[in-house]
N, C-alpha and C. Protein backbone atom coordinates (compact mmCIF):
# COMPACT_ATOMS: atom_id res chain seq x y z
N MET A 1 97.09 145.95 66.58
CA MET A 1 97.27 145.53 65.19
C MET A 1 98.44 144.55 65.10
N LYS A 2 98.20 143.42 64.49
CA LYS A 2 99.25 142.41 64.36
C LYS A 2 100.08 142.68 63.11
N GLU A 3 101.39 142.58 63.29
CA GLU A 3 102.30 142.78 62.15
C GLU A 3 102.19 141.60 61.19
N SER A 4 102.37 141.89 59.93
CA SER A 4 102.35 140.82 58.94
C SER A 4 103.73 140.62 58.31
N THR A 5 104.65 141.55 58.57
CA THR A 5 105.98 141.47 57.99
C THR A 5 107.03 141.70 59.07
N CYS A 6 108.08 140.90 59.09
CA CYS A 6 109.16 141.03 60.06
C CYS A 6 109.97 142.30 59.77
N ILE A 7 110.26 143.07 60.81
CA ILE A 7 111.03 144.30 60.62
C ILE A 7 112.50 144.02 60.35
N ALA A 8 112.97 142.82 60.65
CA ALA A 8 114.39 142.50 60.45
C ALA A 8 114.66 141.89 59.08
N CYS A 9 113.89 140.86 58.71
CA CYS A 9 114.20 140.14 57.47
C CYS A 9 113.15 140.28 56.39
N GLY A 10 112.00 140.87 56.73
CA GLY A 10 110.93 141.02 55.75
C GLY A 10 110.07 139.77 55.59
N GLY A 11 110.37 138.74 56.38
CA GLY A 11 109.61 137.50 56.30
C GLY A 11 108.15 137.72 56.66
N SER A 12 107.28 136.88 56.14
CA SER A 12 105.84 137.06 56.37
C SER A 12 105.26 135.98 57.29
N SER A 13 106.08 135.14 57.85
CA SER A 13 105.60 134.08 58.72
C SER A 13 105.84 134.47 60.18
N ILE A 14 104.90 135.22 60.74
CA ILE A 14 105.02 135.69 62.12
C ILE A 14 103.93 135.03 62.95
N GLU A 15 104.32 134.51 64.11
CA GLU A 15 103.37 133.81 64.97
C GLU A 15 103.50 134.33 66.40
N THR A 16 102.48 134.09 67.20
CA THR A 16 102.54 134.44 68.62
C THR A 16 103.32 133.34 69.32
N ALA A 17 104.45 133.72 69.93
CA ALA A 17 105.28 132.75 70.65
C ALA A 17 104.71 132.49 72.03
N PHE A 18 104.32 133.55 72.73
CA PHE A 18 103.67 133.43 74.03
C PHE A 18 103.08 134.77 74.41
N THR A 19 102.34 134.77 75.51
CA THR A 19 101.72 136.00 76.00
C THR A 19 102.22 136.25 77.41
N LYS A 20 102.59 137.49 77.67
CA LYS A 20 103.08 137.90 78.99
C LYS A 20 102.19 139.04 79.45
N GLY A 21 101.34 138.77 80.42
CA GLY A 21 100.38 139.79 80.85
C GLY A 21 99.50 140.14 79.66
N PRO A 22 99.32 141.43 79.39
CA PRO A 22 98.46 141.82 78.27
C PRO A 22 99.18 141.84 76.92
N PHE A 23 100.43 141.42 76.88
CA PHE A 23 101.23 141.57 75.67
C PHE A 23 101.52 140.24 74.98
N GLU A 24 101.37 140.25 73.67
CA GLU A 24 101.77 139.10 72.86
C GLU A 24 103.23 139.27 72.46
N ILE A 25 103.99 138.22 72.58
CA ILE A 25 105.36 138.22 72.07
C ILE A 25 105.30 137.48 70.73
N ARG A 26 105.57 138.20 69.65
CA ARG A 26 105.47 137.66 68.29
C ARG A 26 106.86 137.29 67.79
N ARG A 27 106.98 136.17 67.09
CA ARG A 27 108.26 135.69 66.59
C ARG A 27 108.18 135.40 65.10
N CYS A 28 109.21 135.82 64.40
CA CYS A 28 109.32 135.55 62.97
C CYS A 28 109.87 134.14 62.78
N ARG A 29 109.19 133.32 62.01
CA ARG A 29 109.65 131.95 61.76
C ARG A 29 110.86 131.91 60.83
N THR A 30 111.09 132.98 60.08
CA THR A 30 112.21 133.01 59.14
C THR A 30 113.52 133.29 59.84
N CYS A 31 113.60 134.39 60.62
CA CYS A 31 114.87 134.77 61.24
C CYS A 31 114.90 134.59 62.75
N GLY A 32 113.75 134.36 63.39
CA GLY A 32 113.71 134.13 64.83
C GLY A 32 113.54 135.38 65.67
N LEU A 33 113.48 136.56 65.06
CA LEU A 33 113.32 137.78 65.84
C LEU A 33 112.01 137.73 66.61
N GLY A 34 112.10 138.03 67.90
CA GLY A 34 110.91 138.12 68.73
C GLY A 34 110.74 139.54 69.21
N ARG A 35 109.52 140.00 69.23
CA ARG A 35 109.26 141.35 69.75
C ARG A 35 107.84 141.44 70.27
N THR A 36 107.62 142.45 71.07
CA THR A 36 106.31 142.66 71.67
C THR A 36 105.36 143.30 70.67
N ALA A 37 104.20 142.71 70.54
CA ALA A 37 103.17 143.33 69.69
C ALA A 37 102.57 144.50 70.45
N ASP A 38 102.20 145.53 69.73
CA ASP A 38 101.59 146.73 70.33
C ASP A 38 102.45 147.32 71.43
N ALA A 39 103.76 147.42 71.19
CA ALA A 39 104.69 147.94 72.18
C ALA A 39 104.41 149.39 72.54
N GLU A 40 103.69 150.11 71.68
CA GLU A 40 103.39 151.51 71.96
C GLU A 40 102.57 151.67 73.23
N ALA A 41 101.80 150.67 73.59
CA ALA A 41 100.95 150.74 74.77
C ALA A 41 101.74 150.51 76.06
N PHE A 42 103.00 150.14 75.96
CA PHE A 42 103.83 149.82 77.12
C PHE A 42 104.75 150.99 77.45
N ASP A 43 104.72 151.47 78.69
CA ASP A 43 105.58 152.57 79.13
C ASP A 43 106.79 151.96 79.84
N ALA A 44 107.87 151.76 79.10
CA ALA A 44 109.07 151.12 79.64
C ALA A 44 109.68 151.93 80.78
N ALA A 45 109.70 153.24 80.66
CA ALA A 45 110.30 154.09 81.71
C ALA A 45 109.57 153.91 83.04
N ASP A 46 108.26 153.75 82.98
CA ASP A 46 107.49 153.56 84.21
C ASP A 46 107.72 152.16 84.78
N TYR A 47 107.71 151.17 83.93
CA TYR A 47 107.84 149.79 84.39
C TYR A 47 109.24 149.46 84.88
N TYR A 48 110.25 149.84 84.11
CA TYR A 48 111.63 149.49 84.45
C TYR A 48 112.31 150.55 85.30
N SER A 49 111.64 151.01 86.31
CA SER A 49 112.23 151.94 87.27
C SER A 49 113.15 151.15 88.19
N GLU A 50 113.76 151.82 89.14
CA GLU A 50 114.64 151.15 90.10
C GLU A 50 113.88 150.07 90.87
N ALA A 51 112.58 150.28 91.06
CA ALA A 51 111.76 149.30 91.78
C ALA A 51 111.75 147.94 91.07
N TYR A 52 111.84 147.95 89.75
CA TYR A 52 111.84 146.69 88.99
C TYR A 52 113.01 145.81 89.40
N PHE A 53 114.14 146.42 89.71
CA PHE A 53 115.35 145.68 90.06
C PHE A 53 115.44 145.37 91.55
N GLN A 54 114.45 145.82 92.31
CA GLN A 54 114.48 145.60 93.75
C GLN A 54 113.19 144.97 94.27
N GLY A 55 112.47 144.26 93.41
CA GLY A 55 111.27 143.55 93.84
C GLY A 55 110.01 144.37 93.91
N GLY A 56 109.98 145.52 93.24
CA GLY A 56 108.82 146.40 93.31
C GLY A 56 107.66 146.01 92.42
N HIS A 57 107.82 145.01 91.58
CA HIS A 57 106.75 144.52 90.70
C HIS A 57 106.59 143.02 90.96
N ALA A 58 105.40 142.53 90.68
CA ALA A 58 105.13 141.11 90.91
C ALA A 58 106.05 140.21 90.08
N ASP A 59 106.45 140.67 88.89
CA ASP A 59 107.28 139.83 88.02
C ASP A 59 108.66 140.46 87.80
N SER A 60 109.19 141.08 88.85
CA SER A 60 110.50 141.72 88.72
C SER A 60 111.56 140.95 89.50
N TYR A 61 112.77 141.45 89.46
CA TYR A 61 113.86 140.85 90.22
C TYR A 61 113.70 141.20 91.69
N GLY A 62 114.00 140.25 92.57
CA GLY A 62 113.95 140.52 94.00
C GLY A 62 115.09 141.45 94.41
N ASP A 63 116.28 141.16 93.90
CA ASP A 63 117.47 141.97 94.19
C ASP A 63 118.47 141.72 93.07
N TYR A 64 118.34 142.47 92.00
CA TYR A 64 119.17 142.26 90.81
C TYR A 64 120.65 142.40 91.14
N GLN A 65 121.02 143.47 91.81
CA GLN A 65 122.43 143.68 92.11
C GLN A 65 122.95 142.63 93.09
N GLY A 66 122.11 142.23 94.03
CA GLY A 66 122.50 141.18 94.97
C GLY A 66 122.65 139.82 94.30
N SER A 67 122.07 139.65 93.13
CA SER A 67 122.16 138.40 92.37
C SER A 67 123.29 138.42 91.34
N GLU A 68 124.20 139.36 91.46
CA GLU A 68 125.23 139.56 90.44
C GLU A 68 125.99 138.27 90.11
N ALA A 69 126.44 137.52 91.11
CA ALA A 69 127.24 136.31 90.84
C ALA A 69 126.43 135.30 90.02
N ILE A 70 125.18 135.10 90.38
CA ILE A 70 124.32 134.15 89.66
C ILE A 70 124.07 134.64 88.24
N LEU A 71 123.76 135.92 88.09
CA LEU A 71 123.50 136.49 86.76
C LEU A 71 124.74 136.41 85.88
N ARG A 72 125.89 136.73 86.43
CA ARG A 72 127.13 136.67 85.64
C ARG A 72 127.40 135.24 85.15
N ALA A 73 127.16 134.25 86.01
CA ALA A 73 127.36 132.85 85.61
C ALA A 73 126.42 132.50 84.45
N GLU A 74 125.18 132.92 84.55
CA GLU A 74 124.22 132.66 83.47
C GLU A 74 124.63 133.39 82.19
N PHE A 75 125.06 134.63 82.32
CA PHE A 75 125.48 135.40 81.15
C PHE A 75 126.73 134.78 80.52
N ARG A 76 127.63 134.26 81.34
CA ARG A 76 128.83 133.60 80.82
C ARG A 76 128.43 132.38 79.99
N ARG A 77 127.47 131.59 80.50
CA ARG A 77 126.97 130.44 79.73
C ARG A 77 126.33 130.88 78.43
N THR A 78 125.60 131.99 78.46
CA THR A 78 124.97 132.53 77.25
C THR A 78 126.03 132.93 76.23
N ILE A 79 127.06 133.60 76.67
CA ILE A 79 128.14 134.02 75.77
C ILE A 79 128.85 132.81 75.20
N ASP A 80 129.14 131.83 76.04
CA ASP A 80 129.80 130.61 75.54
C ASP A 80 128.94 129.94 74.47
N TYR A 81 127.63 129.89 74.68
CA TYR A 81 126.73 129.31 73.69
C TYR A 81 126.75 130.13 72.40
N LEU A 82 126.65 131.45 72.53
CA LEU A 82 126.67 132.30 71.33
C LEU A 82 127.95 132.11 70.53
N LEU A 83 129.06 131.92 71.21
CA LEU A 83 130.33 131.71 70.51
C LEU A 83 130.35 130.40 69.73
N THR A 84 129.62 129.40 70.21
CA THR A 84 129.54 128.14 69.45
C THR A 84 128.68 128.32 68.21
N GLN A 85 127.73 129.24 68.28
CA GLN A 85 126.82 129.47 67.16
C GLN A 85 127.38 130.43 66.12
N ALA A 86 128.22 131.35 66.57
CA ALA A 86 128.75 132.37 65.67
C ALA A 86 130.21 132.66 66.02
N PRO A 87 131.09 131.68 65.85
CA PRO A 87 132.50 131.91 66.20
C PRO A 87 133.12 132.99 65.32
N GLY A 88 133.99 133.78 65.93
CA GLY A 88 134.70 134.80 65.17
C GLY A 88 133.93 136.10 65.01
N ARG A 89 132.73 136.17 65.54
CA ARG A 89 131.98 137.42 65.44
C ARG A 89 132.57 138.40 66.46
N ASP A 90 132.63 139.64 66.09
CA ASP A 90 133.29 140.62 66.96
C ASP A 90 132.37 141.72 67.45
N ARG A 91 131.06 141.51 67.36
CA ARG A 91 130.11 142.53 67.80
C ARG A 91 129.04 141.91 68.68
N LEU A 92 128.59 142.70 69.63
CA LEU A 92 127.51 142.27 70.51
C LEU A 92 126.64 143.48 70.80
N LEU A 93 125.37 143.35 70.57
CA LEU A 93 124.42 144.42 70.86
C LEU A 93 123.44 143.88 71.89
N GLU A 94 123.40 144.53 73.04
CA GLU A 94 122.50 144.09 74.09
C GLU A 94 121.49 145.19 74.37
N PHE A 95 120.23 144.84 74.40
CA PHE A 95 119.17 145.78 74.75
C PHE A 95 118.77 145.53 76.20
N GLY A 96 118.54 146.59 76.94
CA GLY A 96 118.09 146.43 78.32
C GLY A 96 119.18 145.86 79.20
N CYS A 97 120.34 146.48 79.17
CA CYS A 97 121.52 145.88 79.82
C CYS A 97 121.58 146.09 81.33
N ALA A 98 120.59 146.75 81.93
CA ALA A 98 120.50 146.91 83.39
C ALA A 98 121.82 147.41 83.96
N TYR A 99 122.50 146.59 84.74
CA TYR A 99 123.75 146.99 85.38
C TYR A 99 124.98 146.64 84.53
N GLY A 100 124.78 146.06 83.35
CA GLY A 100 125.88 145.78 82.45
C GLY A 100 126.65 144.50 82.71
N PHE A 101 126.08 143.57 83.47
CA PHE A 101 126.79 142.34 83.80
C PHE A 101 127.12 141.51 82.57
N LEU A 102 126.18 141.41 81.63
CA LEU A 102 126.44 140.61 80.42
C LEU A 102 127.59 141.22 79.62
N LEU A 103 127.57 142.52 79.44
CA LEU A 103 128.65 143.16 78.67
C LEU A 103 129.99 143.02 79.37
N GLN A 104 130.00 143.06 80.69
CA GLN A 104 131.24 142.87 81.43
C GLN A 104 131.77 141.45 81.24
N GLU A 105 130.87 140.48 81.17
CA GLU A 105 131.29 139.10 80.93
C GLU A 105 131.78 138.92 79.49
N ALA A 106 131.20 139.67 78.57
CA ALA A 106 131.60 139.56 77.16
C ALA A 106 132.89 140.31 76.86
N ALA A 107 133.28 141.25 77.70
CA ALA A 107 134.44 142.11 77.43
C ALA A 107 135.71 141.32 77.11
N PRO A 108 136.06 140.24 77.83
CA PRO A 108 137.29 139.51 77.48
C PRO A 108 137.23 138.90 76.07
N GLU A 109 136.06 138.41 75.65
CA GLU A 109 135.93 137.86 74.30
C GLU A 109 136.11 138.95 73.26
N LEU A 110 135.48 140.09 73.50
CA LEU A 110 135.59 141.20 72.55
C LEU A 110 137.02 141.73 72.52
N ALA A 111 137.69 141.75 73.67
CA ALA A 111 139.09 142.23 73.72
C ALA A 111 139.99 141.31 72.91
N ARG A 112 139.77 139.98 72.97
CA ARG A 112 140.58 139.05 72.17
C ARG A 112 140.41 139.33 70.68
N THR A 113 139.20 139.59 70.27
CA THR A 113 138.94 139.89 68.86
C THR A 113 139.61 141.20 68.45
N LEU A 114 139.49 142.21 69.31
CA LEU A 114 140.13 143.48 68.99
C LEU A 114 141.65 143.35 68.95
N HIS A 115 142.21 142.54 69.83
CA HIS A 115 143.67 142.33 69.83
C HIS A 115 144.10 141.68 68.52
N TRP A 116 143.33 140.71 68.06
CA TRP A 116 143.63 140.02 66.80
C TRP A 116 143.59 141.02 65.64
N ALA A 117 142.55 141.84 65.59
CA ALA A 117 142.41 142.83 64.51
C ALA A 117 143.54 143.86 64.58
N HIS A 118 143.87 144.29 65.79
CA HIS A 118 144.95 145.26 65.97
C HIS A 118 146.29 144.68 65.50
N SER A 119 146.52 143.41 65.78
CA SER A 119 147.77 142.77 65.33
C SER A 119 147.87 142.73 63.81
N ILE A 120 146.77 142.39 63.15
CA ILE A 120 146.79 142.33 61.68
C ILE A 120 147.08 143.70 61.10
N VAL A 121 146.41 144.72 61.62
CA VAL A 121 146.65 146.08 61.11
C VAL A 121 148.09 146.48 61.36
N GLY A 122 148.61 146.20 62.54
CA GLY A 122 149.99 146.55 62.87
C GLY A 122 151.00 145.88 61.95
N TRP A 123 150.85 144.57 61.75
CA TRP A 123 151.80 143.84 60.91
C TRP A 123 151.65 144.22 59.44
N THR A 124 150.50 144.72 59.06
CA THR A 124 150.31 145.20 57.68
C THR A 124 150.98 146.55 57.49
N LEU A 125 150.93 147.39 58.51
CA LEU A 125 151.51 148.72 58.40
C LEU A 125 153.05 148.72 58.42
N ILE A 126 153.65 147.78 59.11
CA ILE A 126 155.12 147.76 59.22
C ILE A 126 155.79 147.75 57.85
N PRO A 127 155.44 146.86 56.91
CA PRO A 127 156.11 146.89 55.61
C PRO A 127 155.79 148.17 54.82
N LEU A 128 154.58 148.71 54.99
CA LEU A 128 154.25 149.95 54.30
C LEU A 128 155.10 151.11 54.81
N ILE A 129 155.27 151.19 56.10
CA ILE A 129 156.12 152.24 56.68
C ILE A 129 157.56 152.06 56.25
N ALA A 130 158.04 150.82 56.27
CA ALA A 130 159.43 150.54 55.85
C ALA A 130 159.64 150.93 54.39
N ALA A 131 158.66 150.67 53.53
CA ALA A 131 158.78 151.04 52.12
C ALA A 131 158.84 152.55 51.96
N HIS A 132 158.05 153.26 52.72
CA HIS A 132 158.07 154.73 52.64
C HIS A 132 159.40 155.30 53.15
N VAL A 133 159.90 154.75 54.23
CA VAL A 133 161.21 155.21 54.74
C VAL A 133 162.28 154.91 53.70
N GLY A 134 162.21 153.74 53.08
CA GLY A 134 163.17 153.40 52.02
C GLY A 134 163.09 154.38 50.86
N GLY A 135 161.87 154.78 50.48
CA GLY A 135 161.70 155.75 49.41
C GLY A 135 162.28 157.10 49.76
N VAL A 136 162.09 157.52 50.99
CA VAL A 136 162.65 158.80 51.45
C VAL A 136 164.18 158.75 51.37
N LEU A 137 164.75 157.68 51.88
CA LEU A 137 166.22 157.56 51.85
C LEU A 137 166.73 157.49 50.41
N TYR A 138 166.06 156.78 49.55
CA TYR A 138 166.48 156.67 48.15
C TYR A 138 166.51 158.05 47.48
N HIS A 139 165.41 158.82 47.66
CA HIS A 139 165.34 160.14 47.02
C HIS A 139 166.28 161.15 47.67
N HIS A 140 166.48 161.04 48.99
CA HIS A 140 167.28 162.05 49.68
C HIS A 140 168.77 161.74 49.64
N VAL A 141 169.16 160.45 49.69
CA VAL A 141 170.58 160.10 49.76
C VAL A 141 171.13 159.64 48.41
N VAL A 142 170.40 158.80 47.68
CA VAL A 142 170.92 158.23 46.44
C VAL A 142 170.70 159.20 45.26
N ARG A 143 169.48 159.61 45.04
CA ARG A 143 169.18 160.46 43.88
C ARG A 143 169.42 161.95 44.16
N VAL A 144 169.33 162.33 45.40
CA VAL A 144 169.50 163.72 45.81
C VAL A 144 168.74 164.64 44.85
N ASP A 145 167.43 164.36 44.71
CA ASP A 145 166.63 165.09 43.72
C ASP A 145 165.67 166.12 44.32
N GLY A 146 165.72 166.32 45.63
CA GLY A 146 164.88 167.32 46.28
C GLY A 146 163.43 166.92 46.48
N THR A 147 163.08 165.68 46.16
CA THR A 147 161.70 165.22 46.32
C THR A 147 161.22 165.36 47.76
N VAL A 148 162.06 165.00 48.70
CA VAL A 148 161.67 165.07 50.12
C VAL A 148 161.33 166.50 50.51
N TYR A 149 162.15 167.46 50.07
CA TYR A 149 161.90 168.86 50.41
C TYR A 149 160.61 169.36 49.78
N ARG A 150 160.32 168.92 48.57
CA ARG A 150 159.09 169.36 47.90
C ARG A 150 157.84 168.77 48.60
N MET A 151 158.01 167.63 49.23
CA MET A 151 156.86 166.99 49.90
C MET A 151 156.58 167.61 51.27
N ILE A 152 157.55 168.28 51.85
CA ILE A 152 157.39 168.84 53.20
C ILE A 152 156.62 170.12 53.16
């Protein structure tokens, strides 16, 4: 059964992008999401066994782990391209990450974003903490009104 509505954006302009074996890869013209039609008929656990990564299928990797340097270089180019398309984004969701090479290549970019966010939170908290310490000192030393003891 062919889908008539995109599961991501609700768009109704879905076309067959290409066919791989018995499966149609359908793409939404509105948002670009591509997915396999009739995916229920595909047993991913059977197909993507360890043999898939070691040349056990006609259309599989010959030696995925042995190709690590080449794959990392390609993934680095992919990340660099994605950053030109969506600068400042701090999330990455990868499906089918195999040995995790893409995520390992993306880790430095994500760490830079997290460092930036951590710095903003830190510099925002410093004046708030200083104001609270000032309030404690004011009530305990200047007014001597017992507020600090009541709060403990």
